[in-house]
Protein backbone atom coordinates (compact mmCIF):
# COMPACT_ATOMS: atom_id res chain seq x y z
CA UNK A 1 -4.37 -15.04 -11.95
CA UNK A 2 -5.74 -11.57 -10.20
CA UNK A 3 -4.59 -8.41 -11.36
CA UNK A 4 -5.31 -5.51 -9.09
CA UNK A 5 -5.48 -1.54 -10.74
CA UNK A 6 -5.18 1.63 -8.66
CA UNK A 7 -5.71 4.78 -9.78
CA UNK A 8 -7.29 8.02 -7.73
CA UNK A 9 -10.80 6.75 -7.74
CA UNK A 10 -11.11 3.52 -9.21
CA UNK A 11 -13.13 4.67 -12.34
CA UNK A 12 -10.78 6.39 -14.90
CA UNK A 13 -9.17 2.84 -14.87
CA UNK A 14 -12.43 0.99 -16.08
CA UNK A 15 -11.90 1.07 -19.63
CA UNK A 16 -8.16 -0.50 -19.20
CA UNK A 17 -9.64 -3.14 -17.54
CA UNK A 18 -12.11 -4.07 -20.12
CA UNK A 19 -9.57 -3.84 -22.65
CA UNK A 20 -6.95 -6.15 -20.45
CA UNK A 21 -10.22 -8.50 -19.93
CA UNK A 22 -10.32 -8.64 -23.96
CA UNK A 23 -6.93 -9.24 -24.33
CA UNK A 24 -7.04 -12.20 -21.98
CA UNK A 25 -10.29 -13.51 -23.37
CA UNK A 26 -8.57 -13.68 -26.87
CA UNK A 27 -5.16 -15.20 -25.88
CA UNK A 28 -7.30 -17.76 -23.71
CA UNK A 29 -5.59 -16.51 -20.27
CA UNK A 30 -7.79 -17.12 -17.41
CA UNK A 31 -7.80 -14.12 -15.21
CA UNK A 32 -9.45 -11.62 -12.58
CA UNK A 33 -9.24 -7.68 -13.58
CA UNK A 34 -10.56 -5.11 -11.24
CA UNK A 35 -9.48 -1.37 -10.40
CA UNK A 36 -10.04 0.72 -7.09
CA UNK A 37 -9.07 4.20 -5.83
CA UNK A 38 -5.70 4.75 -3.66
CA UNK A 39 -7.93 4.70 -0.57
CA UNK A 40 -8.80 1.37 -1.06
CA UNK A 41 -5.75 -0.19 -2.51
CA UNK A 42 -5.07 -2.17 0.82
CA UNK A 43 -7.97 -3.99 0.99
CA UNK A 44 -7.62 -5.55 -1.79
CA UNK A 45 -3.78 -6.16 -1.90
CA UNK A 46 -4.30 -9.68 -0.23
CA UNK A 47 -6.71 -11.06 -2.58
CA UNK A 48 -3.79 -10.07 -6.13
CA UNK A 49 -1.42 -11.49 -7.38
CA UNK A 50 0.15 -8.56 -8.69
CA UNK A 51 -0.66 -4.82 -8.57
CA UNK A 52 -0.57 -1.76 -11.19
CA UNK A 53 -0.62 1.81 -10.28
CA UNK A 54 -2.18 4.27 -12.75
CA UNK A 55 -0.03 7.30 -13.58
CA UNK A 56 -2.04 9.71 -11.35
CA UNK A 57 -0.86 7.99 -8.49
CA UNK A 58 2.78 6.66 -9.14
CA UNK A 59 3.87 8.97 -6.01
CA UNK A 60 2.28 5.87 -4.14
CA UNK A 61 4.75 3.43 -5.86
CA UNK A 62 7.52 3.26 -3.14
CA UNK A 63 4.59 2.74 -0.19
CA UNK A 64 2.97 0.12 -2.54
CA UNK A 65 6.12 -1.91 -3.18
CA UNK A 66 6.83 -2.14 0.37
CA UNK A 67 3.00 -3.39 1.24
CA UNK A 68 3.59 -5.89 -1.93
CA UNK A 69 6.98 -6.89 -0.33
CA UNK A 70 5.27 -7.78 2.56
CA UNK A 71 2.68 -10.35 0.68
CA UNK A 72 4.58 -11.54 -1.93
CA UNK A 73 2.82 -9.47 -4.70
CA UNK A 74 4.76 -7.55 -7.15
CA UNK A 75 4.08 -3.92 -7.71
CA UNK A 76 4.52 -1.35 -10.56
CA UNK A 77 3.01 1.64 -12.73
CA UNK A 78 1.61 1.56 -15.44
CA UNK A 79 3.42 2.75 -18.59
CA UNK A 80 1.88 6.29 -18.56
CA UNK A 81 1.88 5.86 -22.89
CA UNK A 82 -0.38 2.38 -22.63
CA UNK A 83 -2.35 4.04 -19.98
CA UNK A 84 -3.39 7.08 -22.05
CA UNK A 85 -4.06 4.71 -25.18
CA UNK A 86 -5.92 2.22 -22.60
CA UNK A 87 -3.71 -0.61 -24.16
CA UNK A 88 -5.09 -3.59 -22.28
CA UNK A 89 -2.78 -5.80 -24.27
CA UNK A 90 0.31 -4.40 -23.30
CA UNK A 91 -0.69 -3.55 -19.49
CA UNK A 92 -1.71 -7.34 -19.27
CA UNK A 93 1.62 -8.37 -20.64
CA UNK A 94 3.57 -6.37 -17.96
CA UNK A 95 1.08 -7.76 -15.28
CA UNK A 96 1.95 -11.20 -16.57
CA UNK A 97 5.94 -10.90 -16.46
CA UNK A 98 6.05 -9.47 -13.26
CA UNK A 99 3.93 -12.18 -11.92
CA UNK A 100 6.15 -14.47 -13.79
CA UNK A 101 9.32 -12.09 -12.24
CA UNK A 102 10.59 -10.79 -15.49
């Protein structure tokens, strides 16, 4: 499972990536999670199973959903509260549910 996160520069999400990885490890879930800036996201979409957008780039949701649909990749925004609290467990759960089509 490959989870791509997008924020404005790719850096503010690094702590969230760490928290998601820790949650996945604790649950025995094998996944790759990485974050990129909004200008690079199209270069990474083909590698991902799901794309989640940070609150600061939520305005790109409609455009990136179209790109995701072309490639069969679900795209959604991260709950701002989960993002702000760096709740890796909830964001990971959301990503997994999107991949499963729930």
